[in-house]
Amino acid sequence: MTQTDNQTPEQTTEQQTETAGETDALTQNLSRAQAEIAELKDRLLRTAAEGENLRKRLEREKEDAAKYASGKFAKDILTVADNLRRALDTAPKDAVENDPVHGLIAGVEATERELIGVFERHGIQRIDPKGQRFDPNLHQAMFEIEDPTQPSGTVIQVVAAGYVQHGRLLRAAMVGVSKGGPQPEIQPGNTVNTQA
C-alpha cells in the first residue's frame, strides 16, 4: 500500500485545500507578474518615445544653430551694406568712364554685389518694401507722409532696407508710410518668423 492509500479522508481534503491554496497563490503571483510586465513594457515604450522625441528636438536645435549661427554677425554687418548703398545713392550718376570717380563707384558697386552674394550664401535676403502694404512684422514705420495719390498704409519711402535669414527677421525695414489716401484693400501678408 502506498502512503496515499493510507490517508484518511480528512487528510486528503486537507491536502486538496492546501493544493488549492498554493494554486491560488501561484495564480495571484502570476497575475501580479503579468501586471508588472505590462507596466514595464509601457514604461519602456514611453521611455523609447521620449528618447526619440528628444533626439528629434536636439537634431532640430542643431540644424537651427547651424542655420542661424551667423545671425548676430549678420546683424552687425548690415550697417556696412547700408553704407555701401548710401554711397552709391549719393554718387554722381553722370561720371564718365575716364573720370576717377567712375572707378571708385565701380569698386563700391562690386563690393556691394560681393556682400549681397555672401548674404545669399548664408540665407540672408534683403527686404525692400517700397510700394507694398505696411506689415508690422517686417517693417518699422519711422514717419507718415501725406500723399493722397497712394493708398493709406503703403510704404512710399525706405530709409533702411530690412533683412531676413531663412525666413527669420534679422532687422525690420525702416520705412515712411502714406496716410490720407484711399483705404487699401486687405490682402493676406507673408508669414515671417519674428523671433531672433
N, C-alpha and C. Protein backbone atom coordinates (compact mmCIF):
# COMPACT_ATOMS: atom_id res chain seq x y z
N MET A 1 0.81 -1.17 0.00
CA MET A 1 0.00 0.00 0.00
C MET A 1 0.87 1.24 0.00
N THR A 2 0.43 2.20 -0.75
CA THR A 2 1.17 3.46 -0.80
C THR A 2 0.70 4.35 0.32
N GLN A 3 1.49 5.39 0.52
CA GLN A 3 1.16 6.30 1.60
C GLN A 3 -0.15 7.01 1.31
N THR A 4 -0.47 7.28 0.07
CA THR A 4 -1.71 7.96 -0.29
C THR A 4 -2.89 7.08 0.05
N ASP A 5 -2.71 5.79 -0.12
CA ASP A 5 -3.81 4.89 0.20
C ASP A 5 -4.05 4.85 1.69
N ASN A 6 -3.06 5.12 2.49
CA ASN A 6 -3.19 5.06 3.94
C ASN A 6 -3.81 6.32 4.52
N GLN A 7 -4.01 7.38 3.70
CA GLN A 7 -4.52 8.64 4.22
C GLN A 7 -6.02 8.53 4.48
N THR A 8 -6.39 9.26 5.48
CA THR A 8 -7.80 9.31 5.82
C THR A 8 -8.46 10.36 4.94
N PRO A 9 -9.78 10.34 4.86
CA PRO A 9 -10.47 11.33 4.03
C PRO A 9 -10.20 12.76 4.51
N GLU A 10 -10.02 12.98 5.80
CA GLU A 10 -9.75 14.32 6.30
C GLU A 10 -8.39 14.81 5.80
N GLN A 11 -7.41 13.88 5.79
CA GLN A 11 -6.08 14.24 5.33
C GLN A 11 -6.11 14.56 3.82
N THR A 12 -6.87 13.84 3.05
CA THR A 12 -6.98 14.07 1.61
C THR A 12 -7.62 15.43 1.35
N THR A 13 -8.66 15.77 2.07
CA THR A 13 -9.34 17.07 1.93
C THR A 13 -8.39 18.19 2.33
N GLU A 14 -7.64 17.97 3.37
CA GLU A 14 -6.68 18.95 3.84
C GLU A 14 -5.61 19.19 2.77
N GLN A 15 -5.17 18.10 2.19
CA GLN A 15 -4.16 18.20 1.15
C GLN A 15 -4.73 18.92 -0.09
N GLN A 16 -5.95 18.65 -0.43
CA GLN A 16 -6.58 19.31 -1.58
C GLN A 16 -6.76 20.80 -1.30
N THR A 17 -7.11 21.14 -0.09
CA THR A 17 -7.27 22.55 0.28
C THR A 17 -5.93 23.26 0.22
N GLU A 18 -4.90 22.57 0.69
CA GLU A 18 -3.56 23.12 0.66
C GLU A 18 -3.10 23.32 -0.79
N THR A 19 -3.38 22.36 -1.65
CA THR A 19 -3.02 22.45 -3.06
C THR A 19 -3.79 23.59 -3.73
N ALA A 20 -5.06 23.72 -3.39
CA ALA A 20 -5.89 24.80 -3.95
C ALA A 20 -5.35 26.15 -3.49
N GLY A 21 -4.92 26.25 -2.26
CA GLY A 21 -4.36 27.50 -1.73
C GLY A 21 -3.07 27.85 -2.45
N GLU A 22 -2.25 26.84 -2.69
CA GLU A 22 -0.99 27.07 -3.41
C GLU A 22 -1.28 27.51 -4.85
N THR A 23 -2.30 26.91 -5.46
CA THR A 23 -2.68 27.28 -6.82
C THR A 23 -3.18 28.71 -6.87
N ASP A 24 -4.00 29.09 -5.89
CA ASP A 24 -4.48 30.47 -5.81
C ASP A 24 -3.31 31.44 -5.64
N ALA A 25 -2.37 31.10 -4.77
CA ALA A 25 -1.21 31.95 -4.54
C ALA A 25 -0.38 32.08 -5.82
N LEU A 26 -0.18 30.95 -6.52
CA LEU A 26 0.56 30.98 -7.78
C LEU A 26 -0.17 31.83 -8.83
N THR A 27 -1.48 31.70 -8.88
CA THR A 27 -2.29 32.47 -9.82
C THR A 27 -2.17 33.96 -9.52
N GLN A 28 -2.23 34.30 -8.23
CA GLN A 28 -2.09 35.71 -7.83
C GLN A 28 -0.69 36.23 -8.18
N ASN A 29 0.33 35.41 -7.90
CA ASN A 29 1.70 35.80 -8.23
C ASN A 29 1.85 35.99 -9.74
N LEU A 30 1.26 35.10 -10.51
CA LEU A 30 1.31 35.19 -11.97
C LEU A 30 0.61 36.47 -12.45
N SER A 31 -0.55 36.76 -11.87
CA SER A 31 -1.29 37.97 -12.25
C SER A 31 -0.49 39.22 -11.92
N ARG A 32 0.15 39.24 -10.73
CA ARG A 32 0.98 40.38 -10.34
C ARG A 32 2.18 40.50 -11.30
N ALA A 33 2.79 39.39 -11.63
CA ALA A 33 3.94 39.40 -12.53
C ALA A 33 3.53 39.90 -13.92
N GLN A 34 2.37 39.45 -14.40
CA GLN A 34 1.89 39.90 -15.70
C GLN A 34 1.58 41.40 -15.69
N ALA A 35 0.99 41.89 -14.61
CA ALA A 35 0.69 43.32 -14.48
C ALA A 35 1.99 44.12 -14.44
N GLU A 36 2.98 43.60 -13.71
CA GLU A 36 4.27 44.28 -13.63
C GLU A 36 4.95 44.30 -15.00
N ILE A 37 4.86 43.19 -15.72
CA ILE A 37 5.44 43.12 -17.07
C ILE A 37 4.76 44.14 -17.98
N ALA A 38 3.43 44.23 -17.91
CA ALA A 38 2.70 45.19 -18.74
C ALA A 38 3.11 46.62 -18.39
N GLU A 39 3.27 46.91 -17.10
CA GLU A 39 3.67 48.24 -16.66
C GLU A 39 5.09 48.55 -17.14
N LEU A 40 5.98 47.58 -17.05
CA LEU A 40 7.35 47.77 -17.50
C LEU A 40 7.42 47.97 -19.02
N LYS A 41 6.58 47.22 -19.77
CA LYS A 41 6.53 47.40 -21.22
C LYS A 41 6.06 48.82 -21.55
N ASP A 42 5.03 49.27 -20.83
CA ASP A 42 4.51 50.61 -21.04
C ASP A 42 5.59 51.65 -20.75
N ARG A 43 6.30 51.49 -19.63
CA ARG A 43 7.39 52.41 -19.29
C ARG A 43 8.47 52.39 -20.36
N LEU A 44 8.81 51.20 -20.82
CA LEU A 44 9.83 51.07 -21.85
C LEU A 44 9.42 51.78 -23.13
N LEU A 45 8.16 51.59 -23.55
CA LEU A 45 7.67 52.25 -24.76
C LEU A 45 7.67 53.78 -24.59
N ARG A 46 7.24 54.24 -23.43
CA ARG A 46 7.23 55.69 -23.18
C ARG A 46 8.65 56.25 -23.16
N THR A 47 9.55 55.54 -22.52
CA THR A 47 10.95 55.98 -22.48
C THR A 47 11.55 56.02 -23.87
N ALA A 48 11.25 55.00 -24.67
CA ALA A 48 11.75 54.97 -26.05
C ALA A 48 11.18 56.15 -26.84
N ALA A 49 9.89 56.42 -26.67
CA ALA A 49 9.26 57.55 -27.39
C ALA A 49 9.86 58.88 -26.93
N GLU A 50 10.06 59.04 -25.61
CA GLU A 50 10.67 60.27 -25.11
C GLU A 50 12.09 60.43 -25.65
N GLY A 51 12.82 59.33 -25.71
CA GLY A 51 14.17 59.37 -26.26
C GLY A 51 14.18 59.78 -27.72
N GLU A 52 13.24 59.26 -28.49
CA GLU A 52 13.13 59.60 -29.92
C GLU A 52 12.74 61.07 -30.09
N ASN A 53 11.78 61.53 -29.27
CA ASN A 53 11.38 62.94 -29.33
C ASN A 53 12.55 63.86 -28.96
N LEU A 54 13.31 63.48 -27.94
CA LEU A 54 14.47 64.26 -27.53
C LEU A 54 15.51 64.29 -28.65
N ARG A 55 15.74 63.15 -29.29
CA ARG A 55 16.70 63.08 -30.38
C ARG A 55 16.28 64.02 -31.52
N LYS A 56 14.98 63.98 -31.87
CA LYS A 56 14.48 64.83 -32.95
C LYS A 56 14.59 66.31 -32.59
N ARG A 57 14.24 66.65 -31.33
CA ARG A 57 14.32 68.03 -30.90
C ARG A 57 15.77 68.53 -30.93
N LEU A 58 16.70 67.71 -30.44
CA LEU A 58 18.11 68.09 -30.46
C LEU A 58 18.62 68.24 -31.89
N GLU A 59 18.14 67.39 -32.78
CA GLU A 59 18.53 67.48 -34.19
C GLU A 59 18.02 68.79 -34.80
N ARG A 60 16.76 69.15 -34.50
CA ARG A 60 16.20 70.43 -34.98
C ARG A 60 16.99 71.61 -34.42
N GLU A 61 17.31 71.54 -33.12
CA GLU A 61 18.05 72.63 -32.50
C GLU A 61 19.45 72.75 -33.11
N LYS A 62 20.05 71.61 -33.42
CA LYS A 62 21.37 71.62 -34.05
C LYS A 62 21.29 72.25 -35.44
N GLU A 63 20.25 71.88 -36.21
CA GLU A 63 20.06 72.46 -37.54
C GLU A 63 19.82 73.96 -37.45
N ASP A 64 18.98 74.38 -36.48
CA ASP A 64 18.71 75.81 -36.30
C ASP A 64 19.98 76.56 -35.90
N ALA A 65 20.77 75.95 -35.01
CA ALA A 65 22.00 76.60 -34.58
C ALA A 65 22.94 76.80 -35.77
N ALA A 66 23.04 75.79 -36.62
CA ALA A 66 23.89 75.91 -37.80
C ALA A 66 23.33 76.94 -38.77
N LYS A 67 22.01 76.92 -38.93
CA LYS A 67 21.35 77.81 -39.90
C LYS A 67 21.44 79.27 -39.47
N TYR A 68 21.27 79.52 -38.16
CA TYR A 68 21.21 80.90 -37.68
C TYR A 68 22.48 81.34 -36.94
N ALA A 69 23.54 80.55 -37.02
CA ALA A 69 24.78 80.88 -36.30
C ALA A 69 25.34 82.23 -36.70
N SER A 70 25.18 82.59 -37.95
CA SER A 70 25.75 83.86 -38.42
C SER A 70 24.81 85.03 -38.19
N GLY A 71 23.67 84.81 -37.53
CA GLY A 71 22.67 85.86 -37.34
C GLY A 71 23.19 87.08 -36.60
N LYS A 72 23.90 86.87 -35.49
CA LYS A 72 24.41 88.01 -34.71
C LYS A 72 25.44 88.78 -35.53
N PHE A 73 26.33 88.06 -36.18
CA PHE A 73 27.33 88.71 -37.03
C PHE A 73 26.64 89.44 -38.18
N ALA A 74 25.63 88.80 -38.77
CA ALA A 74 24.92 89.42 -39.90
C ALA A 74 24.25 90.71 -39.47
N LYS A 75 23.63 90.72 -38.28
CA LYS A 75 23.01 91.96 -37.79
C LYS A 75 24.04 93.08 -37.69
N ASP A 76 25.24 92.72 -37.24
CA ASP A 76 26.29 93.74 -37.09
C ASP A 76 26.79 94.24 -38.44
N ILE A 77 26.80 93.39 -39.44
CA ILE A 77 27.36 93.76 -40.75
C ILE A 77 26.33 94.45 -41.65
N LEU A 78 25.06 94.44 -41.25
CA LEU A 78 24.02 95.08 -42.07
C LEU A 78 24.30 96.57 -42.28
N THR A 79 24.89 97.21 -41.30
CA THR A 79 25.18 98.64 -41.45
C THR A 79 26.21 98.88 -42.55
N VAL A 80 27.10 97.91 -42.76
CA VAL A 80 28.07 98.03 -43.86
C VAL A 80 27.32 98.03 -45.19
N ALA A 81 26.37 97.11 -45.33
CA ALA A 81 25.56 97.05 -46.56
C ALA A 81 24.79 98.36 -46.74
N ASP A 82 24.24 98.89 -45.64
CA ASP A 82 23.51 100.16 -45.71
C ASP A 82 24.43 101.29 -46.19
N ASN A 83 25.63 101.35 -45.64
CA ASN A 83 26.56 102.42 -46.00
C ASN A 83 27.03 102.31 -47.45
N LEU A 84 27.23 101.09 -47.93
CA LEU A 84 27.58 100.92 -49.34
C LEU A 84 26.45 101.43 -50.23
N ARG A 85 25.22 101.10 -49.87
CA ARG A 85 24.07 101.55 -50.66
C ARG A 85 23.96 103.07 -50.62
N ARG A 86 24.15 103.67 -49.44
CA ARG A 86 24.09 105.14 -49.32
C ARG A 86 25.17 105.80 -50.19
N ALA A 87 26.36 105.22 -50.18
CA ALA A 87 27.45 105.76 -51.00
C ALA A 87 27.07 105.73 -52.47
N LEU A 88 26.48 104.62 -52.92
CA LEU A 88 26.08 104.52 -54.33
C LEU A 88 24.94 105.46 -54.66
N ASP A 89 24.01 105.63 -53.72
CA ASP A 89 22.88 106.53 -53.96
C ASP A 89 23.31 107.99 -54.06
N THR A 90 24.38 108.36 -53.36
CA THR A 90 24.83 109.75 -53.39
C THR A 90 25.91 110.01 -54.44
N ALA A 91 26.42 108.96 -55.06
CA ALA A 91 27.47 109.12 -56.08
C ALA A 91 26.88 109.80 -57.31
N PRO A 92 27.70 110.59 -57.99
CA PRO A 92 27.19 111.25 -59.20
C PRO A 92 26.85 110.21 -60.27
N LYS A 93 25.71 110.38 -60.87
CA LYS A 93 25.22 109.43 -61.87
C LYS A 93 25.83 109.67 -63.25
N ASP A 94 26.38 110.84 -63.44
CA ASP A 94 26.87 111.21 -64.77
C ASP A 94 28.39 111.11 -64.90
N ALA A 95 29.04 110.31 -64.03
CA ALA A 95 30.51 110.17 -64.10
C ALA A 95 30.88 109.43 -65.38
N VAL A 96 31.77 110.01 -66.13
CA VAL A 96 32.22 109.38 -67.38
C VAL A 96 33.28 108.33 -67.06
N GLU A 97 33.54 107.48 -68.04
CA GLU A 97 34.42 106.35 -67.82
C GLU A 97 35.84 106.76 -67.44
N ASN A 98 36.35 107.84 -67.96
CA ASN A 98 37.71 108.28 -67.66
C ASN A 98 37.81 109.05 -66.34
N ASP A 99 36.69 109.41 -65.79
CA ASP A 99 36.64 110.17 -64.53
C ASP A 99 37.10 109.26 -63.38
N PRO A 100 38.00 109.74 -62.49
CA PRO A 100 38.46 108.90 -61.37
C PRO A 100 37.32 108.45 -60.45
N VAL A 101 36.27 109.24 -60.37
CA VAL A 101 35.13 108.87 -59.53
C VAL A 101 34.44 107.63 -60.09
N HIS A 102 34.47 107.47 -61.42
CA HIS A 102 33.83 106.31 -62.05
C HIS A 102 34.43 105.00 -61.52
N GLY A 103 35.75 104.95 -61.40
CA GLY A 103 36.42 103.75 -60.87
C GLY A 103 36.03 103.48 -59.43
N LEU A 104 35.93 104.53 -58.65
CA LEU A 104 35.53 104.39 -57.25
C LEU A 104 34.10 103.84 -57.16
N ILE A 105 33.21 104.39 -57.96
CA ILE A 105 31.82 103.92 -57.97
C ILE A 105 31.75 102.45 -58.39
N ALA A 106 32.51 102.08 -59.41
CA ALA A 106 32.52 100.68 -59.87
C ALA A 106 33.03 99.76 -58.76
N GLY A 107 34.04 100.22 -58.01
CA GLY A 107 34.57 99.42 -56.91
C GLY A 107 33.55 99.25 -55.78
N VAL A 108 32.84 100.30 -55.45
CA VAL A 108 31.82 100.22 -54.40
C VAL A 108 30.68 99.31 -54.85
N GLU A 109 30.30 99.41 -56.13
CA GLU A 109 29.24 98.52 -56.66
C GLU A 109 29.68 97.06 -56.59
N ALA A 110 30.93 96.78 -56.94
CA ALA A 110 31.44 95.40 -56.89
C ALA A 110 31.47 94.89 -55.45
N THR A 111 31.85 95.76 -54.53
CA THR A 111 31.88 95.38 -53.10
C THR A 111 30.48 95.07 -52.61
N GLU A 112 29.51 95.90 -53.01
CA GLU A 112 28.13 95.66 -52.59
C GLU A 112 27.61 94.34 -53.17
N ARG A 113 27.91 94.07 -54.45
CA ARG A 113 27.48 92.80 -55.06
C ARG A 113 28.08 91.60 -54.32
N GLU A 114 29.34 91.69 -53.96
CA GLU A 114 30.00 90.60 -53.25
C GLU A 114 29.37 90.40 -51.86
N LEU A 115 29.09 91.48 -51.17
CA LEU A 115 28.46 91.39 -49.85
C LEU A 115 27.07 90.75 -49.96
N ILE A 116 26.31 91.15 -50.96
CA ILE A 116 24.98 90.56 -51.18
C ILE A 116 25.12 89.07 -51.51
N GLY A 117 26.13 88.70 -52.27
CA GLY A 117 26.39 87.29 -52.57
C GLY A 117 26.70 86.49 -51.31
N VAL A 118 27.48 87.07 -50.41
CA VAL A 118 27.80 86.41 -49.14
C VAL A 118 26.51 86.25 -48.32
N PHE A 119 25.71 87.30 -48.29
CA PHE A 119 24.42 87.22 -47.58
C PHE A 119 23.58 86.07 -48.13
N GLU A 120 23.48 85.99 -49.45
CA GLU A 120 22.65 84.95 -50.06
C GLU A 120 23.16 83.55 -49.72
N ARG A 121 24.48 83.37 -49.67
CA ARG A 121 25.04 82.07 -49.32
C ARG A 121 24.68 81.67 -47.89
N HIS A 122 24.39 82.65 -47.06
CA HIS A 122 24.02 82.38 -45.67
C HIS A 122 22.52 82.54 -45.43
N GLY A 123 21.75 82.55 -46.50
CA GLY A 123 20.28 82.60 -46.39
C GLY A 123 19.73 83.95 -45.98
N ILE A 124 20.50 85.01 -46.17
CA ILE A 124 20.06 86.35 -45.78
C ILE A 124 19.55 87.07 -47.02
N GLN A 125 18.31 87.56 -46.90
CA GLN A 125 17.69 88.26 -48.03
C GLN A 125 17.29 89.66 -47.61
N ARG A 126 17.40 90.56 -48.55
CA ARG A 126 17.06 91.96 -48.33
C ARG A 126 15.56 92.15 -48.52
N ILE A 127 14.96 92.98 -47.67
CA ILE A 127 13.55 93.35 -47.81
C ILE A 127 13.52 94.80 -48.26
N ASP A 128 13.02 95.06 -49.45
CA ASP A 128 12.87 96.42 -49.96
C ASP A 128 11.39 96.60 -50.29
N PRO A 129 10.61 97.06 -49.32
CA PRO A 129 9.15 97.03 -49.44
C PRO A 129 8.50 98.23 -50.12
N LYS A 130 9.25 99.04 -50.83
CA LYS A 130 8.66 100.24 -51.43
C LYS A 130 7.48 99.86 -52.32
N GLY A 131 6.34 100.51 -52.08
CA GLY A 131 5.12 100.26 -52.85
C GLY A 131 4.25 99.14 -52.28
N GLN A 132 4.73 98.47 -51.26
CA GLN A 132 3.97 97.38 -50.64
C GLN A 132 3.14 97.92 -49.47
N ARG A 133 2.20 97.12 -49.06
CA ARG A 133 1.38 97.43 -47.89
C ARG A 133 2.26 97.31 -46.64
N PHE A 134 2.13 98.23 -45.70
CA PHE A 134 2.89 98.20 -44.45
C PHE A 134 2.55 96.92 -43.69
N ASP A 135 3.59 96.19 -43.26
CA ASP A 135 3.44 94.96 -42.48
C ASP A 135 4.26 95.12 -41.21
N PRO A 136 3.61 95.23 -40.06
CA PRO A 136 4.36 95.45 -38.81
C PRO A 136 5.29 94.29 -38.45
N ASN A 137 5.10 93.13 -39.07
CA ASN A 137 6.00 92.01 -38.82
C ASN A 137 7.33 92.16 -39.56
N LEU A 138 7.33 92.98 -40.63
CA LEU A 138 8.52 93.14 -41.46
C LEU A 138 9.03 94.58 -41.51
N HIS A 139 8.19 95.53 -41.15
CA HIS A 139 8.54 96.94 -41.33
C HIS A 139 8.41 97.70 -40.02
N GLN A 140 9.23 98.73 -39.90
CA GLN A 140 9.14 99.64 -38.76
C GLN A 140 8.83 101.02 -39.33
N ALA A 141 7.64 101.55 -39.00
CA ALA A 141 7.25 102.86 -39.52
C ALA A 141 8.02 103.94 -38.77
N MET A 142 8.77 104.74 -39.52
CA MET A 142 9.56 105.82 -38.93
C MET A 142 8.78 107.13 -38.94
N PHE A 143 7.94 107.30 -39.97
CA PHE A 143 7.15 108.52 -40.12
C PHE A 143 6.03 108.26 -41.11
N GLU A 144 5.06 109.18 -41.12
CA GLU A 144 3.96 109.12 -42.08
C GLU A 144 4.08 110.31 -43.03
N ILE A 145 3.69 110.07 -44.28
CA ILE A 145 3.76 111.12 -45.29
C ILE A 145 2.36 111.30 -45.87
N GLU A 146 1.92 112.54 -45.92
CA GLU A 146 0.62 112.89 -46.51
C GLU A 146 0.75 112.71 -48.02
N ASP A 147 0.03 111.74 -48.59
CA ASP A 147 0.09 111.51 -50.04
C ASP A 147 -1.26 110.95 -50.49
N PRO A 148 -2.14 111.81 -51.00
CA PRO A 148 -3.48 111.36 -51.40
C PRO A 148 -3.46 110.44 -52.63
N THR A 149 -2.33 110.37 -53.33
CA THR A 149 -2.28 109.51 -54.52
C THR A 149 -2.00 108.05 -54.17
N GLN A 150 -1.54 107.81 -52.97
CA GLN A 150 -1.21 106.44 -52.54
C GLN A 150 -2.24 105.96 -51.52
N PRO A 151 -2.59 104.67 -51.56
CA PRO A 151 -3.48 104.15 -50.52
C PRO A 151 -2.85 104.31 -49.14
N SER A 152 -3.66 104.61 -48.17
CA SER A 152 -3.17 104.78 -46.81
C SER A 152 -2.53 103.47 -46.33
N GLY A 153 -1.38 103.59 -45.69
CA GLY A 153 -0.68 102.40 -45.19
C GLY A 153 0.27 101.78 -46.19
N THR A 154 0.56 102.48 -47.29
CA THR A 154 1.50 101.98 -48.29
C THR A 154 2.90 102.51 -47.98
N VAL A 155 3.89 101.66 -48.10
CA VAL A 155 5.28 102.09 -47.90
C VAL A 155 5.68 102.91 -49.11
N ILE A 156 6.00 104.19 -48.88
CA ILE A 156 6.38 105.04 -50.01
C ILE A 156 7.82 105.50 -49.93
N GLN A 157 8.48 105.24 -48.81
CA GLN A 157 9.90 105.57 -48.70
C GLN A 157 10.58 104.54 -47.80
N VAL A 158 11.75 104.07 -48.23
CA VAL A 158 12.52 103.11 -47.43
C VAL A 158 13.77 103.83 -46.93
N VAL A 159 13.85 104.00 -45.62
CA VAL A 159 15.00 104.66 -45.00
C VAL A 159 16.16 103.66 -44.92
N ALA A 160 15.86 102.45 -44.48
CA ALA A 160 16.86 101.38 -44.41
C ALA A 160 16.15 100.07 -44.74
N ALA A 161 16.75 99.30 -45.63
CA ALA A 161 16.15 98.02 -46.03
C ALA A 161 16.15 97.06 -44.83
N GLY A 162 15.22 96.14 -44.84
CA GLY A 162 15.18 95.11 -43.81
C GLY A 162 15.84 93.85 -44.33
N TYR A 163 16.06 92.91 -43.43
CA TYR A 163 16.70 91.65 -43.82
C TYR A 163 16.08 90.49 -43.06
N VAL A 164 15.94 89.36 -43.74
CA VAL A 164 15.51 88.11 -43.11
C VAL A 164 16.57 87.05 -43.39
N GLN A 165 16.69 86.12 -42.46
CA GLN A 165 17.61 84.99 -42.64
C GLN A 165 16.81 83.71 -42.50
N HIS A 166 16.71 82.96 -43.59
CA HIS A 166 15.93 81.73 -43.62
C HIS A 166 14.52 81.97 -43.07
N GLY A 167 13.92 83.08 -43.44
CA GLY A 167 12.55 83.37 -43.02
C GLY A 167 12.44 84.02 -41.66
N ARG A 168 13.52 84.14 -40.93
CA ARG A 168 13.51 84.76 -39.59
C ARG A 168 14.00 86.21 -39.75
N LEU A 169 13.25 87.13 -39.16
CA LEU A 169 13.56 88.55 -39.29
C LEU A 169 14.86 88.89 -38.56
N LEU A 170 15.80 89.48 -39.30
CA LEU A 170 17.04 89.98 -38.69
C LEU A 170 16.86 91.45 -38.30
N ARG A 171 16.32 92.23 -39.25
CA ARG A 171 16.07 93.64 -38.98
C ARG A 171 14.89 94.07 -39.81
N ALA A 172 13.97 94.77 -39.16
CA ALA A 172 12.80 95.29 -39.88
C ALA A 172 13.23 96.43 -40.80
N ALA A 173 12.56 96.54 -41.93
CA ALA A 173 12.82 97.65 -42.84
C ALA A 173 12.27 98.92 -42.19
N MET A 174 13.07 99.98 -42.18
CA MET A 174 12.64 101.26 -41.62
C MET A 174 12.05 102.07 -42.75
N VAL A 175 10.76 102.41 -42.61
CA VAL A 175 10.03 102.95 -43.75
C VAL A 175 9.21 104.18 -43.38
N GLY A 176 8.85 104.92 -44.45
CA GLY A 176 7.88 106.00 -44.36
C GLY A 176 6.59 105.50 -45.00
N VAL A 177 5.47 105.75 -44.33
CA VAL A 177 4.19 105.19 -44.74
C VAL A 177 3.23 106.31 -45.13
N SER A 178 2.45 106.08 -46.18
CA SER A 178 1.49 107.10 -46.63
C SER A 178 0.29 107.14 -45.69
N LYS A 179 -0.29 108.35 -45.62
CA LYS A 179 -1.55 108.49 -44.87
C LYS A 179 -2.44 109.44 -45.64
N GLY A 180 -3.71 109.29 -45.42
CA GLY A 180 -4.65 110.22 -46.01
C GLY A 180 -5.16 109.83 -47.38
N GLY A 181 -4.61 108.83 -48.02
CA GLY A 181 -5.08 108.42 -49.34
C GLY A 181 -6.26 107.47 -49.20
N PRO A 182 -6.68 106.88 -50.33
CA PRO A 182 -7.79 105.93 -50.27
C PRO A 182 -7.41 104.71 -49.42
N GLN A 183 -8.40 104.10 -48.80
CA GLN A 183 -8.15 102.92 -47.97
C GLN A 183 -7.77 101.74 -48.86
N PRO A 184 -6.71 101.04 -48.53
CA PRO A 184 -6.27 99.91 -49.36
C PRO A 184 -7.15 98.69 -49.15
N GLU A 185 -7.10 97.80 -50.15
CA GLU A 185 -7.78 96.52 -50.00
C GLU A 185 -6.94 95.65 -49.08
N ILE A 186 -7.59 94.86 -48.24
CA ILE A 186 -6.86 93.98 -47.33
C ILE A 186 -6.40 92.75 -48.09
N GLN A 187 -5.09 92.50 -48.03
CA GLN A 187 -4.51 91.35 -48.71
C GLN A 187 -3.76 90.52 -47.68
N PRO A 188 -3.79 89.19 -47.85
CA PRO A 188 -3.04 88.36 -46.91
C PRO A 188 -1.54 88.64 -47.03
N GLY A 189 -0.86 88.77 -45.89
CA GLY A 189 0.57 89.09 -45.89
C GLY A 189 1.43 87.86 -45.83
N ASN A 190 2.72 88.06 -45.93
CA ASN A 190 3.69 86.99 -45.81
C ASN A 190 3.83 86.61 -44.33
N THR A 191 4.07 85.36 -44.08
CA THR A 191 4.31 84.92 -42.72
C THR A 191 5.80 84.82 -42.52
N VAL A 192 6.28 85.57 -41.55
CA VAL A 192 7.71 85.55 -41.25
C VAL A 192 7.87 85.32 -39.77
N ASN A 193 8.85 84.49 -39.42
CA ASN A 193 9.16 84.23 -38.02
C ASN A 193 9.92 85.44 -37.49
N THR A 194 9.32 86.13 -36.49
CA THR A 194 9.94 87.35 -35.98
C THR A 194 10.81 87.07 -34.76
N GLN A 195 11.05 85.83 -34.41
CA GLN A 195 11.93 85.52 -33.28
C GLN A 195 13.36 85.73 -33.70
N ALA A 196 14.10 86.29 -32.82
CA ALA A 196 15.52 86.50 -33.13
C ALA A 196 16.36 85.46 -32.46
